[in-house]
Amino acid sequence: MLIGALEAGGSKMVCSIGDSQGNVLQRASFPTQSPGETVAQIVDFIGRFGVKALGIGSFGPLDLRPSSPTYGCIMRSPKSEWSGFPLLRELRTALNVPCAIDTDVNAAALAESVLGAGKGLNSLVYVTVGTGIGGGIILGGKLVHGMVHPELGHMLMRPARNDSMPDGVCPFHRGCLEGLASGPAIEKRWGLSSRLMMPDHPAWELEAEYLAQMCVNIILTVSPEIIVLGGGVMQQAHLFPRIRQRVVNLLGGYVASERVSPERISGYIVPPALGVNAGVAGALLLGAQALGQDDF
């Protein structure tokens, strides 16, 4: 049984065909253009394969309240053409198959929980650190939704004393995580893309400080069994030991769990086991879930 998967990004759309175990058989990508042009391309590709369902992991913010008249819509977006666009409804109508939608980072969190680093655990937090910063939360084996979906990237930080840019670059908040630690924040502060920085660049100590603060906030509020850090910035593998050490220091022995001890924290704050495939695997899992959720 074939399932369609859409990773809907602000700059690129990735369409895949796979199965409920997260295996990808076909894939195509194209730039994100106007909603009309983009949806036509999505439908043209996915419609060729006779899929039984579609899972969508999308950029947001999204309306994820099933009772809402704008459920499945992209809400306020820097891409003005997409603000208010009913992505779920348009794709479900065009393809005439069960569809499920969630944020792109929630899709990745679901995949890591079911198939990846959190397999066998009941709770997980997945954070992607790249052009933006976002997080997905799994508790009791289920994705967390509330008033809106979690926006971990906009938690407020304690600016480091040596930060030349303590207000960050976020247009909404001063000193939030995304404004201080995203890829654009790193480039703005140092005048150099993180991809071009050597491991001994001073940027990384500052980056580890903010990501460690984030992890401590997550540990003290959500208390997950594992934290998974993905995204382009986290391709810098040398960040992980720096973050882990700073987390231990910031916790100060307060949390009574061996998982965050100096000896075991390397197995607690980890990269995604599925690597760059977490998003597509999560979208396929959402599609599989839709087969039992939508009444067609």
Protein backbone atom coordinates (compact mmCIF):
# COMPACT_ATOMS: atom_id res chain seq x y z
CA MET A 1 0.00 0.00 0.00
CA LEU A 2 1.49 3.31 -1.11
CA ILE A 3 1.33 6.49 0.98
CA GLY A 4 2.17 10.02 -0.11
CA ALA A 5 4.28 12.36 1.98
CA LEU A 6 4.70 16.11 1.65
CA GLU A 7 7.41 18.09 3.39
CA ALA A 8 6.13 21.60 2.82
CA GLY A 9 8.81 24.22 3.32
CA GLY A 10 8.83 27.94 2.83
CA SER A 11 11.47 27.65 0.11
CA LYS A 12 11.08 24.05 -1.15
CA MET A 13 8.42 21.35 -1.41
CA VAL A 14 9.53 17.72 -1.16
CA CYS A 15 7.04 15.06 -2.28
CA SER A 16 7.67 11.39 -1.56
CA ILE A 17 5.97 8.07 -2.10
CA GLY A 18 6.53 5.36 0.48
CA ASP A 19 4.95 3.01 2.98
CA SER A 20 3.79 3.02 6.60
CA GLN A 21 7.21 1.84 7.81
CA GLY A 22 8.83 5.03 6.56
CA ASN A 23 10.47 3.51 3.48
CA VAL A 24 10.78 5.96 0.57
CA LEU A 25 10.33 4.66 -2.97
CA GLN A 26 10.06 7.85 -5.04
CA ARG A 27 10.90 11.50 -4.34
CA ALA A 28 10.66 14.84 -6.13
CA SER A 29 11.25 18.44 -5.04
CA PHE A 30 10.57 21.87 -6.46
CA PRO A 31 10.67 25.50 -5.26
CA THR A 32 7.76 26.86 -3.25
CA GLN A 33 5.92 29.30 -5.50
CA SER A 34 2.36 30.65 -5.31
CA PRO A 35 -0.18 28.32 -3.67
CA GLY A 36 -1.94 27.61 -6.96
CA GLU A 37 1.23 26.70 -8.85
CA THR A 38 2.65 24.72 -5.96
CA VAL A 39 -0.44 22.65 -5.19
CA ALA A 40 -0.77 21.78 -8.88
CA GLN A 41 2.78 20.38 -8.86
CA ILE A 42 2.18 18.42 -5.67
CA VAL A 43 -1.02 16.89 -7.00
CA ASP A 44 0.55 16.11 -10.38
CA PHE A 45 3.39 14.13 -8.78
CA ILE A 46 1.58 12.36 -5.95
CA GLY A 47 -1.50 11.68 -8.08
CA ARG A 48 0.51 9.45 -10.43
CA PHE A 49 1.00 6.68 -7.87
CA GLY A 50 -2.47 5.80 -6.61
CA VAL A 51 -1.63 6.52 -2.98
CA LYS A 52 -4.15 5.52 -0.33
CA ALA A 53 -3.40 8.46 1.98
CA LEU A 54 -1.27 11.60 2.32
CA GLY A 55 0.71 12.88 5.30
CA ILE A 56 1.75 16.52 5.40
CA GLY A 57 4.52 18.02 7.51
CA SER A 58 4.35 21.75 6.85
CA PHE A 59 5.97 25.02 7.73
CA GLY A 60 3.77 27.11 9.95
CA PRO A 61 2.30 28.36 12.03
CA LEU A 62 -0.63 26.06 11.34
CA ASP A 63 -4.15 25.79 12.71
CA LEU A 64 -4.19 22.24 14.10
CA ARG A 65 -7.50 22.36 15.99
CA PRO A 66 -9.81 19.83 14.28
CA SER A 67 -12.93 21.74 15.38
CA SER A 68 -11.70 25.02 13.86
CA PRO A 69 -13.11 26.29 10.54
CA THR A 70 -9.51 27.02 9.50
CA TYR A 71 -8.14 23.60 10.49
CA GLY A 72 -5.20 22.68 8.28
CA CYS A 73 -4.60 26.26 7.16
CA ILE A 74 -1.24 28.01 7.18
CA MET A 75 -1.71 30.98 9.45
CA ARG A 76 0.39 34.17 9.50
CA SER A 77 3.43 33.60 7.29
CA PRO A 78 6.26 35.77 5.96
CA LYS A 79 5.19 34.36 2.58
CA SER A 80 2.11 36.55 2.34
CA GLU A 81 0.50 34.52 -0.47
CA TRP A 82 0.39 31.51 1.86
CA SER A 83 -1.13 33.26 4.89
CA GLY A 84 -4.54 31.71 5.49
CA PHE A 85 -4.12 29.14 2.72
CA PRO A 86 -6.18 25.94 3.36
CA LEU A 87 -3.40 23.48 2.51
CA LEU A 88 -5.06 20.40 4.01
CA ARG A 89 -8.44 21.04 2.37
CA GLU A 90 -6.97 21.77 -1.05
CA LEU A 91 -4.86 18.61 -1.14
CA ARG A 92 -7.57 16.38 0.31
CA THR A 93 -10.06 17.63 -2.29
CA ALA A 94 -7.65 17.31 -5.20
CA LEU A 95 -6.34 13.84 -4.33
CA ASN A 96 -9.55 12.46 -2.76
CA VAL A 97 -7.68 10.39 -0.15
CA PRO A 98 -7.46 10.60 3.65
CA CYS A 99 -4.96 13.29 4.67
CA ALA A 100 -3.32 14.32 7.94
CA ILE A 101 -1.32 17.45 8.64
CA ASP A 102 1.06 18.61 11.34
CA THR A 103 4.06 20.89 11.60
CA ASP A 104 7.24 19.78 9.89
CA VAL A 105 9.05 19.47 13.21
CA ASN A 106 6.18 17.50 14.76
CA ALA A 107 6.41 15.08 11.84
CA ALA A 108 10.12 14.63 12.54
CA ALA A 109 9.42 14.16 16.25
CA LEU A 110 6.87 11.46 15.44
CA ALA A 111 9.33 9.62 13.22
CA GLU A 112 12.13 9.72 15.79
CA SER A 113 9.71 8.51 18.45
CA VAL A 114 8.35 5.58 16.44
CA LEU A 115 11.33 4.60 14.29
CA GLY A 116 14.38 6.46 15.55
CA ALA A 117 16.18 7.61 18.68
CA GLY A 118 13.07 7.47 20.88
CA LYS A 119 11.84 4.05 19.79
CA GLY A 120 10.49 2.20 22.84
CA LEU A 121 10.20 5.38 24.94
CA ASN A 122 7.02 7.21 25.90
CA SER A 123 8.34 10.76 25.64
CA LEU A 124 10.68 12.72 23.40
CA VAL A 125 11.41 16.27 22.37
CA TYR A 126 12.78 16.90 18.87
CA VAL A 127 14.29 20.30 18.08
CA THR A 128 15.51 21.43 14.68
CA VAL A 129 18.12 24.19 14.59
CA GLY A 130 18.56 25.76 11.18
CA THR A 131 17.08 28.73 9.34
CA GLY A 132 14.58 28.75 12.18
CA ILE A 133 14.27 26.80 15.41
CA GLY A 134 11.25 24.64 16.14
CA GLY A 135 10.37 21.76 18.40
CA GLY A 136 7.97 18.86 18.56
CA ILE A 137 6.94 17.16 21.80
CA ILE A 138 5.85 13.54 22.28
CA LEU A 139 4.25 12.67 25.64
CA GLY A 140 2.61 9.34 26.36
CA GLY A 141 3.46 8.35 22.80
CA LYS A 142 1.37 11.17 21.33
CA LEU A 143 2.18 14.54 19.78
CA VAL A 144 1.39 17.50 22.00
CA HIS A 145 -1.11 20.06 20.72
CA GLY A 146 -2.72 22.69 22.87
CA MET A 147 -4.01 26.20 22.33
CA VAL A 148 -1.60 26.18 19.37
CA HIS A 149 1.28 23.85 18.57
CA PRO A 150 4.45 24.27 20.69
CA GLU A 151 6.77 27.11 19.63
CA LEU A 152 9.97 26.11 21.40
CA GLY A 153 12.04 28.32 19.13
CA HIS A 154 10.61 31.43 20.73
CA MET A 155 11.31 30.67 24.38
CA LEU A 156 13.13 33.57 26.01
CA MET A 157 16.81 33.17 26.80
CA ARG A 158 19.21 34.64 29.33
CA PRO A 159 21.67 36.51 27.05
CA ALA A 160 25.30 35.55 27.50
CA ARG A 161 27.55 38.29 28.87
CA ASN A 162 29.85 38.15 25.88
CA ASP A 163 27.09 38.24 23.26
CA SER A 164 27.52 41.21 20.94
CA MET A 165 23.91 40.79 19.76
CA PRO A 166 21.88 40.09 22.95
CA ASP A 167 18.55 41.12 21.42
CA GLY A 168 18.86 38.65 18.55
CA VAL A 169 17.28 38.92 15.12
CA CYS A 170 13.69 37.78 15.73
CA PRO A 171 11.20 40.43 14.54
CA PHE A 172 8.70 39.38 17.23
CA HIS A 173 10.75 38.95 20.44
CA ARG A 174 13.91 40.32 21.97
CA GLY A 175 16.29 37.64 23.18
CA CYS A 176 14.37 34.56 22.07
CA LEU A 177 16.07 31.29 21.15
CA GLU A 178 15.51 31.54 17.41
CA GLY A 179 16.67 35.15 17.39
CA LEU A 180 19.88 34.23 19.19
CA ALA A 181 20.81 30.75 17.95
CA SER A 182 19.34 30.12 14.49
CA GLY A 183 21.49 30.01 11.37
CA PRO A 184 20.60 33.60 10.38
CA ALA A 185 21.43 34.79 13.92
CA ILE A 186 24.87 33.16 13.75
CA GLU A 187 25.56 34.72 10.35
CA LYS A 188 24.32 38.16 11.42
CA ARG A 189 26.44 38.15 14.58
CA TRP A 190 29.66 36.91 13.05
CA GLY A 191 29.36 37.93 9.40
CA LEU A 192 29.94 34.36 8.30
CA SER A 193 27.71 31.38 7.55
CA SER A 194 27.89 28.62 10.12
CA ARG A 195 28.70 26.20 7.29
CA LEU A 196 32.01 28.00 6.78
CA MET A 197 33.08 28.14 10.43
CA MET A 198 35.82 25.93 11.81
CA PRO A 199 35.15 23.96 15.03
CA ASP A 200 37.36 26.31 17.06
CA HIS A 201 35.42 29.45 16.05
CA PRO A 202 34.15 31.34 19.14
CA ALA A 203 30.63 31.23 17.72
CA TRP A 204 30.24 27.64 18.85
CA GLU A 205 30.71 28.27 22.56
CA LEU A 206 27.96 30.88 22.39
CA GLU A 207 25.74 28.58 20.36
CA ALA A 208 26.24 25.76 22.86
CA GLU A 209 25.32 28.11 25.69
CA TYR A 210 21.94 28.98 24.19
CA LEU A 211 21.13 25.45 23.10
CA ALA A 212 22.06 24.18 26.56
CA GLN A 213 19.73 26.74 28.14
CA MET A 214 17.02 25.45 25.83
CA CYS A 215 17.67 21.85 26.85
CA VAL A 216 17.57 22.76 30.55
CA ASN A 217 14.24 24.56 30.06
CA ILE A 218 12.86 21.50 28.27
CA ILE A 219 14.11 19.13 30.98
CA LEU A 220 12.59 21.23 33.77
CA THR A 221 9.22 21.73 32.06
CA VAL A 222 8.56 18.68 29.87
CA SER A 223 10.94 16.14 31.47
CA PRO A 224 11.25 13.98 28.32
CA GLU A 225 13.08 10.67 28.26
CA ILE A 226 15.29 11.88 25.40
CA ILE A 227 16.08 15.11 23.53
CA VAL A 228 16.91 14.90 19.83
CA LEU A 229 18.66 17.86 18.15
CA GLY A 230 18.56 18.03 14.36
CA GLY A 231 18.69 20.59 11.57
CA GLY A 232 21.47 22.19 9.59
CA VAL A 233 23.30 23.84 12.48
CA MET A 234 23.45 20.54 14.37
CA GLN A 235 25.41 19.01 11.50
CA GLN A 236 28.32 20.46 13.48
CA ALA A 237 28.83 17.31 15.55
CA HIS A 238 31.30 19.03 17.89
CA LEU A 239 28.36 21.00 19.33
CA PHE A 240 26.91 17.97 21.10
CA PRO A 241 29.61 17.45 23.78
CA ARG A 242 29.68 21.21 24.46
CA ILE A 243 25.90 21.33 24.90
CA ARG A 244 25.86 18.24 27.11
CA GLN A 245 28.59 19.53 29.40
CA ARG A 246 26.89 22.91 29.77
CA VAL A 247 23.54 21.25 30.51
CA VAL A 248 25.13 19.27 33.34
CA ASN A 249 26.64 22.47 34.73
CA LEU A 250 23.41 24.45 34.46
CA LEU A 251 21.33 21.73 36.11
CA GLY A 252 23.75 21.68 39.04
CA GLY A 253 22.71 18.20 40.11
CA TYR A 254 19.11 19.27 40.77
CA VAL A 255 17.36 16.73 38.52
CA ALA A 256 17.54 13.31 40.20
CA SER A 257 17.94 11.15 37.11
CA GLU A 258 20.91 9.19 35.84
CA ARG A 259 19.89 10.14 32.29
CA VAL A 260 21.33 13.63 32.82
CA SER A 261 24.38 12.54 34.77
CA PRO A 262 27.85 13.30 33.31
CA GLU A 263 28.27 9.59 32.60
CA ARG A 264 25.00 9.09 30.69
CA ILE A 265 24.01 12.41 29.16
CA SER A 266 25.65 11.47 25.84
CA GLY A 267 22.74 9.04 25.37
CA TYR A 268 20.16 11.64 26.41
CA ILE A 269 20.90 14.62 24.14
CA VAL A 270 21.44 13.00 20.75
CA PRO A 271 21.34 13.59 16.99
CA PRO A 272 18.41 12.15 15.01
CA ALA A 273 18.80 8.45 14.37
CA LEU A 274 16.97 8.91 11.06
CA GLY A 275 19.21 11.77 10.00
CA VAL A 276 17.78 13.95 7.24
CA ASN A 277 14.99 11.41 6.61
CA ALA A 278 13.12 12.15 9.85
CA GLY A 279 10.76 14.61 8.16
CA VAL A 280 9.69 12.36 5.31
CA ALA A 281 9.37 9.33 7.59
CA GLY A 282 7.14 11.37 9.88
CA ALA A 283 4.95 12.52 7.02
CA LEU A 284 4.53 8.90 5.91
CA LEU A 285 3.51 7.96 9.45
CA LEU A 286 0.97 10.79 9.47
CA GLY A 287 -0.42 9.44 6.21
CA ALA A 288 -0.70 5.95 7.70
CA GLN A 289 -2.53 7.39 10.70
CA ALA A 290 -4.93 9.22 8.40
CA LEU A 291 -6.20 5.92 7.04
CA GLY A 292 -7.79 5.25 10.40
CA GLN A 293 -8.81 8.83 11.19
CA ASP A 294 -10.56 10.21 8.11
CA ASP A 295 -13.99 9.02 7.03
CA PHE A 296 -13.90 8.47 3.29
